[in-house]
Amino acid sequence: MNLKGMETPIQYPLILILPLALTLVFSMTPLTGESTCDEVIFKEITKSKCLIDQMKILVNTSSTEECALRCVLHLKCQYFSYCNGSCYMHRLLYEKEIKDYDCNCSSYILLSDTRK
């Protein structure tokens, strides 16, 4: 019932299912004054797994999106892991065997990049 004593229908909250791809679209204005729009697409590759990488950079961020943006701004970043406020940025691994370990993180790899 509402405040006026009238019955109201039960409304179910809308639950959004996040896609497995994280897309960042941002615009920049270079020195030429022309506006550009770039799209960068990351795909989630693991949940609760981290890759062993000696060449990682740690930055504290408040969200997965901020971590993705930091990765985009770092030229050598090809994938990242977000772990409860910690953003680990990595280069691509070229070793024959890729090792992982259990952790409380989500990892994303760069799929598409339209930056020039």
N, C-alpha and C. Protein backbone atom coordinates (compact mmCIF):
# COMPACT_ATOMS: atom_id res chain seq x y z
N MET A 1 0.84 -1.17 0.00
CA MET A 1 0.00 0.00 0.00
C MET A 1 0.89 1.24 0.00
N ASN A 2 0.37 2.28 -0.61
CA ASN A 2 1.13 3.53 -0.60
C ASN A 2 0.61 4.44 0.50
N LEU A 3 1.10 5.67 0.56
CA LEU A 3 0.74 6.59 1.63
C LEU A 3 -0.74 6.97 1.64
N LYS A 4 -1.40 6.93 0.49
CA LYS A 4 -2.81 7.31 0.41
C LYS A 4 -3.73 6.13 0.69
N GLY A 5 -3.19 4.99 1.04
CA GLY A 5 -4.01 3.83 1.34
C GLY A 5 -4.43 3.05 0.11
N MET A 6 -3.88 3.38 -1.05
CA MET A 6 -4.23 2.68 -2.28
C MET A 6 -3.20 1.58 -2.52
N GLU A 7 -3.68 0.48 -3.04
CA GLU A 7 -2.77 -0.61 -3.35
C GLU A 7 -2.00 -0.27 -4.62
N THR A 8 -0.75 -0.62 -4.60
CA THR A 8 0.08 -0.39 -5.78
C THR A 8 0.68 -1.72 -6.19
N PRO A 9 0.90 -1.90 -7.48
CA PRO A 9 1.48 -3.16 -7.94
C PRO A 9 2.92 -3.30 -7.46
N ILE A 10 3.32 -4.54 -7.29
CA ILE A 10 4.70 -4.82 -6.91
C ILE A 10 5.56 -4.65 -8.15
N GLN A 11 6.57 -3.84 -8.03
CA GLN A 11 7.47 -3.63 -9.15
C GLN A 11 8.79 -4.34 -8.86
N TYR A 12 9.24 -5.08 -9.84
CA TYR A 12 10.50 -5.80 -9.69
C TYR A 12 11.64 -4.92 -10.17
N PRO A 13 12.73 -4.91 -9.45
CA PRO A 13 13.86 -4.09 -9.89
C PRO A 13 14.45 -4.64 -11.18
N LEU A 14 14.91 -3.76 -12.01
CA LEU A 14 15.52 -4.15 -13.27
C LEU A 14 16.95 -4.60 -12.99
N ILE A 15 17.28 -5.78 -13.40
CA ILE A 15 18.62 -6.31 -13.20
C ILE A 15 19.33 -6.28 -14.55
N LEU A 16 20.40 -5.54 -14.61
CA LEU A 16 21.18 -5.46 -15.84
C LEU A 16 22.29 -6.49 -15.81
N ILE A 17 22.42 -7.22 -16.88
CA ILE A 17 23.50 -8.18 -17.01
C ILE A 17 24.59 -7.51 -17.83
N LEU A 18 25.75 -7.37 -17.24
CA LEU A 18 26.84 -6.70 -17.93
C LEU A 18 27.39 -7.62 -19.01
N PRO A 19 27.65 -7.06 -20.19
CA PRO A 19 28.25 -7.89 -21.24
C PRO A 19 29.68 -8.25 -20.85
N LEU A 20 30.21 -9.27 -21.50
CA LEU A 20 31.56 -9.70 -21.19
C LEU A 20 32.61 -8.78 -21.79
N ALA A 21 32.19 -7.86 -22.64
CA ALA A 21 33.14 -6.91 -23.22
C ALA A 21 32.95 -5.55 -22.57
N LEU A 22 34.03 -4.93 -22.21
CA LEU A 22 34.02 -3.60 -21.62
C LEU A 22 34.43 -2.64 -22.72
N THR A 23 33.56 -1.71 -23.09
CA THR A 23 33.84 -0.78 -24.16
C THR A 23 34.03 0.61 -23.60
N LEU A 24 35.12 1.23 -23.96
CA LEU A 24 35.38 2.61 -23.57
C LEU A 24 35.33 3.48 -24.82
N VAL A 25 34.54 4.52 -24.78
CA VAL A 25 34.48 5.48 -25.87
C VAL A 25 34.86 6.82 -25.28
N PHE A 26 35.86 7.45 -25.83
CA PHE A 26 36.26 8.75 -25.31
C PHE A 26 36.64 9.65 -26.47
N SER A 27 36.50 10.95 -26.28
CA SER A 27 36.86 11.89 -27.33
C SER A 27 38.02 12.74 -26.86
N MET A 28 38.85 13.11 -27.82
CA MET A 28 40.02 13.92 -27.52
C MET A 28 40.09 15.06 -28.52
N THR A 29 40.69 16.14 -28.13
CA THR A 29 40.91 17.25 -29.03
C THR A 29 42.42 17.47 -29.12
N PRO A 30 43.04 17.01 -30.21
CA PRO A 30 44.47 17.19 -30.35
C PRO A 30 44.81 18.66 -30.63
N LEU A 31 46.08 18.96 -30.75
CA LEU A 31 46.53 20.33 -30.96
C LEU A 31 45.98 20.95 -32.24
N THR A 32 45.57 20.13 -33.21
CA THR A 32 45.04 20.67 -34.46
C THR A 32 43.65 21.26 -34.28
N GLY A 33 43.01 20.99 -33.15
CA GLY A 33 41.67 21.53 -32.90
C GLY A 33 40.55 20.65 -33.41
N GLU A 34 40.89 19.54 -34.08
CA GLU A 34 39.87 18.63 -34.58
C GLU A 34 39.50 17.65 -33.47
N SER A 35 38.22 17.40 -33.33
CA SER A 35 37.76 16.46 -32.32
C SER A 35 37.77 15.05 -32.89
N THR A 36 38.22 14.10 -32.10
CA THR A 36 38.23 12.71 -32.54
C THR A 36 37.47 11.87 -31.53
N CYS A 37 36.96 10.75 -31.99
CA CYS A 37 36.26 9.82 -31.11
C CYS A 37 36.91 8.46 -31.27
N ASP A 38 37.42 7.92 -30.20
CA ASP A 38 38.11 6.64 -30.24
C ASP A 38 37.33 5.61 -29.45
N GLU A 39 37.40 4.37 -29.90
CA GLU A 39 36.72 3.28 -29.19
C GLU A 39 37.74 2.20 -28.89
N VAL A 40 37.74 1.76 -27.66
CA VAL A 40 38.64 0.70 -27.22
C VAL A 40 37.77 -0.38 -26.58
N ILE A 41 37.97 -1.63 -26.99
CA ILE A 41 37.16 -2.73 -26.47
C ILE A 41 38.06 -3.73 -25.76
N PHE A 42 37.71 -4.02 -24.50
CA PHE A 42 38.38 -5.05 -23.72
C PHE A 42 37.40 -6.19 -23.50
N LYS A 43 37.90 -7.41 -23.46
CA LYS A 43 37.05 -8.57 -23.17
C LYS A 43 37.52 -9.21 -21.87
N GLU A 44 36.56 -9.54 -21.00
CA GLU A 44 36.91 -10.21 -19.76
C GLU A 44 37.37 -11.62 -20.08
N ILE A 45 38.55 -11.97 -19.61
CA ILE A 45 39.08 -13.30 -19.93
C ILE A 45 39.03 -14.26 -18.76
N THR A 46 39.10 -13.73 -17.54
CA THR A 46 39.03 -14.63 -16.39
C THR A 46 38.35 -13.94 -15.22
N LYS A 47 37.78 -14.74 -14.37
CA LYS A 47 37.30 -14.28 -13.07
C LYS A 47 38.03 -15.10 -12.03
N SER A 48 38.52 -14.45 -11.00
CA SER A 48 39.24 -15.11 -9.91
C SER A 48 40.53 -15.77 -10.35
N LYS A 49 41.12 -15.29 -11.44
CA LYS A 49 42.42 -15.78 -11.89
C LYS A 49 43.29 -14.58 -12.24
N CYS A 50 44.56 -14.68 -11.95
CA CYS A 50 45.53 -13.66 -12.32
C CYS A 50 46.66 -14.34 -13.07
N LEU A 51 47.22 -13.64 -14.03
CA LEU A 51 48.33 -14.17 -14.78
C LEU A 51 49.64 -13.76 -14.11
N ILE A 52 50.58 -14.68 -14.13
CA ILE A 52 51.89 -14.39 -13.56
C ILE A 52 52.67 -13.58 -14.60
N ASP A 53 53.04 -12.37 -14.23
CA ASP A 53 53.72 -11.46 -15.15
C ASP A 53 54.68 -10.60 -14.33
N GLN A 54 55.95 -10.65 -14.67
CA GLN A 54 56.94 -9.85 -13.96
C GLN A 54 56.93 -8.40 -14.41
N MET A 55 56.29 -8.09 -15.53
CA MET A 55 56.30 -6.74 -16.09
C MET A 55 54.96 -6.05 -15.88
N LYS A 56 54.46 -6.02 -14.66
CA LYS A 56 53.18 -5.38 -14.40
C LYS A 56 53.36 -4.05 -13.69
N ILE A 57 52.40 -3.16 -13.88
CA ILE A 57 52.39 -1.85 -13.24
C ILE A 57 51.17 -1.79 -12.35
N LEU A 58 51.34 -1.37 -11.11
CA LEU A 58 50.24 -1.29 -10.15
C LEU A 58 49.81 0.17 -9.97
N VAL A 59 48.50 0.41 -10.10
CA VAL A 59 47.91 1.73 -9.86
C VAL A 59 46.65 1.51 -9.05
N ASN A 60 46.38 2.36 -8.07
CA ASN A 60 45.13 2.27 -7.31
C ASN A 60 44.04 3.03 -8.05
N THR A 61 42.91 2.36 -8.30
CA THR A 61 41.77 2.97 -8.99
C THR A 61 40.49 2.63 -8.25
N SER A 62 39.42 3.35 -8.56
CA SER A 62 38.16 3.15 -7.86
C SER A 62 37.18 2.26 -8.61
N SER A 63 37.48 1.90 -9.88
CA SER A 63 36.55 1.08 -10.65
C SER A 63 37.27 0.37 -11.78
N THR A 64 36.58 -0.61 -12.36
CA THR A 64 37.11 -1.32 -13.53
C THR A 64 37.28 -0.36 -14.69
N GLU A 65 36.32 0.56 -14.86
CA GLU A 65 36.38 1.51 -15.97
C GLU A 65 37.60 2.42 -15.85
N GLU A 66 37.88 2.88 -14.64
CA GLU A 66 39.06 3.73 -14.44
C GLU A 66 40.34 2.95 -14.71
N CYS A 67 40.36 1.69 -14.32
CA CYS A 67 41.51 0.84 -14.58
C CYS A 67 41.70 0.66 -16.09
N ALA A 68 40.59 0.45 -16.81
CA ALA A 68 40.65 0.31 -18.27
C ALA A 68 41.17 1.59 -18.91
N LEU A 69 40.72 2.73 -18.42
CA LEU A 69 41.19 4.01 -18.96
C LEU A 69 42.69 4.18 -18.71
N ARG A 70 43.15 3.81 -17.53
CA ARG A 70 44.59 3.88 -17.24
C ARG A 70 45.37 2.99 -18.21
N CYS A 71 44.82 1.82 -18.51
CA CYS A 71 45.47 0.90 -19.45
C CYS A 71 45.53 1.53 -20.84
N VAL A 72 44.45 2.17 -21.26
CA VAL A 72 44.41 2.82 -22.58
C VAL A 72 45.47 3.92 -22.66
N LEU A 73 45.64 4.66 -21.58
CA LEU A 73 46.59 5.77 -21.58
C LEU A 73 48.05 5.32 -21.49
N HIS A 74 48.27 4.07 -21.09
CA HIS A 74 49.64 3.53 -21.02
C HIS A 74 49.90 2.76 -22.31
N LEU A 75 50.84 3.21 -23.10
CA LEU A 75 51.05 2.68 -24.45
C LEU A 75 51.36 1.19 -24.50
N LYS A 76 52.04 0.64 -23.51
CA LYS A 76 52.43 -0.76 -23.56
C LYS A 76 51.40 -1.70 -22.93
N CYS A 77 50.33 -1.16 -22.39
CA CYS A 77 49.32 -2.00 -21.72
C CYS A 77 48.45 -2.71 -22.75
N GLN A 78 48.40 -4.04 -22.67
CA GLN A 78 47.58 -4.85 -23.56
C GLN A 78 46.50 -5.62 -22.81
N TYR A 79 46.64 -5.76 -21.51
CA TYR A 79 45.58 -6.34 -20.69
C TYR A 79 45.76 -5.85 -19.26
N PHE A 80 44.67 -5.95 -18.49
CA PHE A 80 44.75 -5.50 -17.10
C PHE A 80 43.91 -6.39 -16.22
N SER A 81 44.23 -6.38 -14.93
CA SER A 81 43.46 -7.09 -13.91
C SER A 81 43.02 -6.06 -12.87
N TYR A 82 41.75 -6.12 -12.48
CA TYR A 82 41.23 -5.21 -11.45
C TYR A 82 40.89 -6.04 -10.22
N CYS A 83 41.50 -5.67 -9.08
CA CYS A 83 41.36 -6.45 -7.86
C CYS A 83 41.00 -5.53 -6.69
N ASN A 84 39.74 -5.30 -6.46
CA ASN A 84 39.28 -4.52 -5.29
C ASN A 84 40.07 -3.23 -5.08
N GLY A 85 40.15 -2.40 -6.10
CA GLY A 85 40.83 -1.12 -5.98
C GLY A 85 42.24 -1.09 -6.52
N SER A 86 42.81 -2.25 -6.79
CA SER A 86 44.15 -2.32 -7.37
C SER A 86 44.04 -2.66 -8.85
N CYS A 87 44.71 -1.87 -9.67
CA CYS A 87 44.71 -2.06 -11.12
C CYS A 87 46.10 -2.50 -11.54
N TYR A 88 46.20 -3.71 -12.08
CA TYR A 88 47.47 -4.24 -12.56
C TYR A 88 47.46 -4.20 -14.09
N MET A 89 48.37 -3.43 -14.67
CA MET A 89 48.46 -3.33 -16.13
C MET A 89 49.62 -4.19 -16.62
N HIS A 90 49.40 -4.89 -17.74
CA HIS A 90 50.38 -5.85 -18.24
C HIS A 90 50.62 -5.65 -19.73
N ARG A 91 51.81 -6.07 -20.16
CA ARG A 91 52.08 -6.20 -21.59
C ARG A 91 51.63 -7.60 -22.00
N LEU A 92 51.52 -7.82 -23.31
CA LEU A 92 51.18 -9.17 -23.76
C LEU A 92 52.31 -10.13 -23.42
N LEU A 93 51.95 -11.35 -23.10
CA LEU A 93 52.95 -12.37 -22.79
C LEU A 93 53.30 -13.13 -24.06
N TYR A 94 54.58 -13.32 -24.28
CA TYR A 94 55.02 -14.04 -25.47
C TYR A 94 55.68 -15.36 -25.11
N GLU A 95 55.57 -15.76 -23.88
CA GLU A 95 56.16 -17.03 -23.46
C GLU A 95 55.31 -18.18 -23.96
N LYS A 96 55.90 -19.35 -24.06
CA LYS A 96 55.17 -20.53 -24.53
C LYS A 96 54.12 -20.97 -23.52
N GLU A 97 54.44 -20.89 -22.26
CA GLU A 97 53.50 -21.33 -21.22
C GLU A 97 53.08 -20.14 -20.37
N ILE A 98 51.78 -19.91 -20.30
CA ILE A 98 51.24 -18.82 -19.48
C ILE A 98 50.73 -19.44 -18.19
N LYS A 99 51.21 -18.95 -17.07
CA LYS A 99 50.82 -19.49 -15.77
C LYS A 99 49.88 -18.52 -15.09
N ASP A 100 48.94 -19.09 -14.34
CA ASP A 100 48.02 -18.24 -13.58
C ASP A 100 47.92 -18.76 -12.15
N TYR A 101 47.26 -17.97 -11.32
CA TYR A 101 47.04 -18.37 -9.93
C TYR A 101 45.70 -17.81 -9.48
N ASP A 102 45.14 -18.40 -8.44
CA ASP A 102 43.84 -17.96 -7.93
C ASP A 102 43.99 -16.61 -7.23
N CYS A 103 43.05 -15.72 -7.51
CA CYS A 103 43.03 -14.41 -6.87
C CYS A 103 41.59 -13.88 -6.96
N ASN A 104 41.33 -12.80 -6.33
CA ASN A 104 39.99 -12.20 -6.35
C ASN A 104 40.00 -11.03 -7.33
N CYS A 105 40.20 -11.32 -8.61
CA CYS A 105 40.35 -10.28 -9.63
C CYS A 105 39.55 -10.63 -10.88
N SER A 106 39.35 -9.62 -11.70
CA SER A 106 38.81 -9.81 -13.05
C SER A 106 39.87 -9.31 -14.02
N SER A 107 40.14 -10.09 -15.06
CA SER A 107 41.16 -9.73 -16.04
C SER A 107 40.53 -9.47 -17.39
N TYR A 108 41.04 -8.47 -18.08
CA TYR A 108 40.52 -8.05 -19.38
C TYR A 108 41.67 -7.91 -20.36
N ILE A 109 41.43 -8.32 -21.62
CA ILE A 109 42.44 -8.20 -22.67
C ILE A 109 41.92 -7.24 -23.74
N LEU A 110 42.82 -6.49 -24.34
CA LEU A 110 42.47 -5.53 -25.38
C LEU A 110 42.09 -6.27 -26.65
N LEU A 111 40.86 -6.07 -27.13
CA LEU A 111 40.40 -6.71 -28.37
C LEU A 111 40.49 -5.79 -29.56
N SER A 112 40.06 -4.56 -29.39
CA SER A 112 39.98 -3.63 -30.50
C SER A 112 40.39 -2.25 -30.03
N ASP A 113 41.13 -1.56 -30.88
CA ASP A 113 41.63 -0.24 -30.53
C ASP A 113 41.63 0.63 -31.78
N THR A 114 40.82 1.68 -31.82
CA THR A 114 40.73 2.55 -32.99
C THR A 114 41.57 3.80 -32.84
N ARG A 115 42.39 3.85 -31.80
CA ARG A 115 43.27 5.02 -31.64
C ARG A 115 44.30 5.03 -32.75
N LYS A 116 44.72 6.22 -33.13
CA LYS A 116 45.74 6.34 -34.18
C LYS A 116 47.07 6.67 -33.60
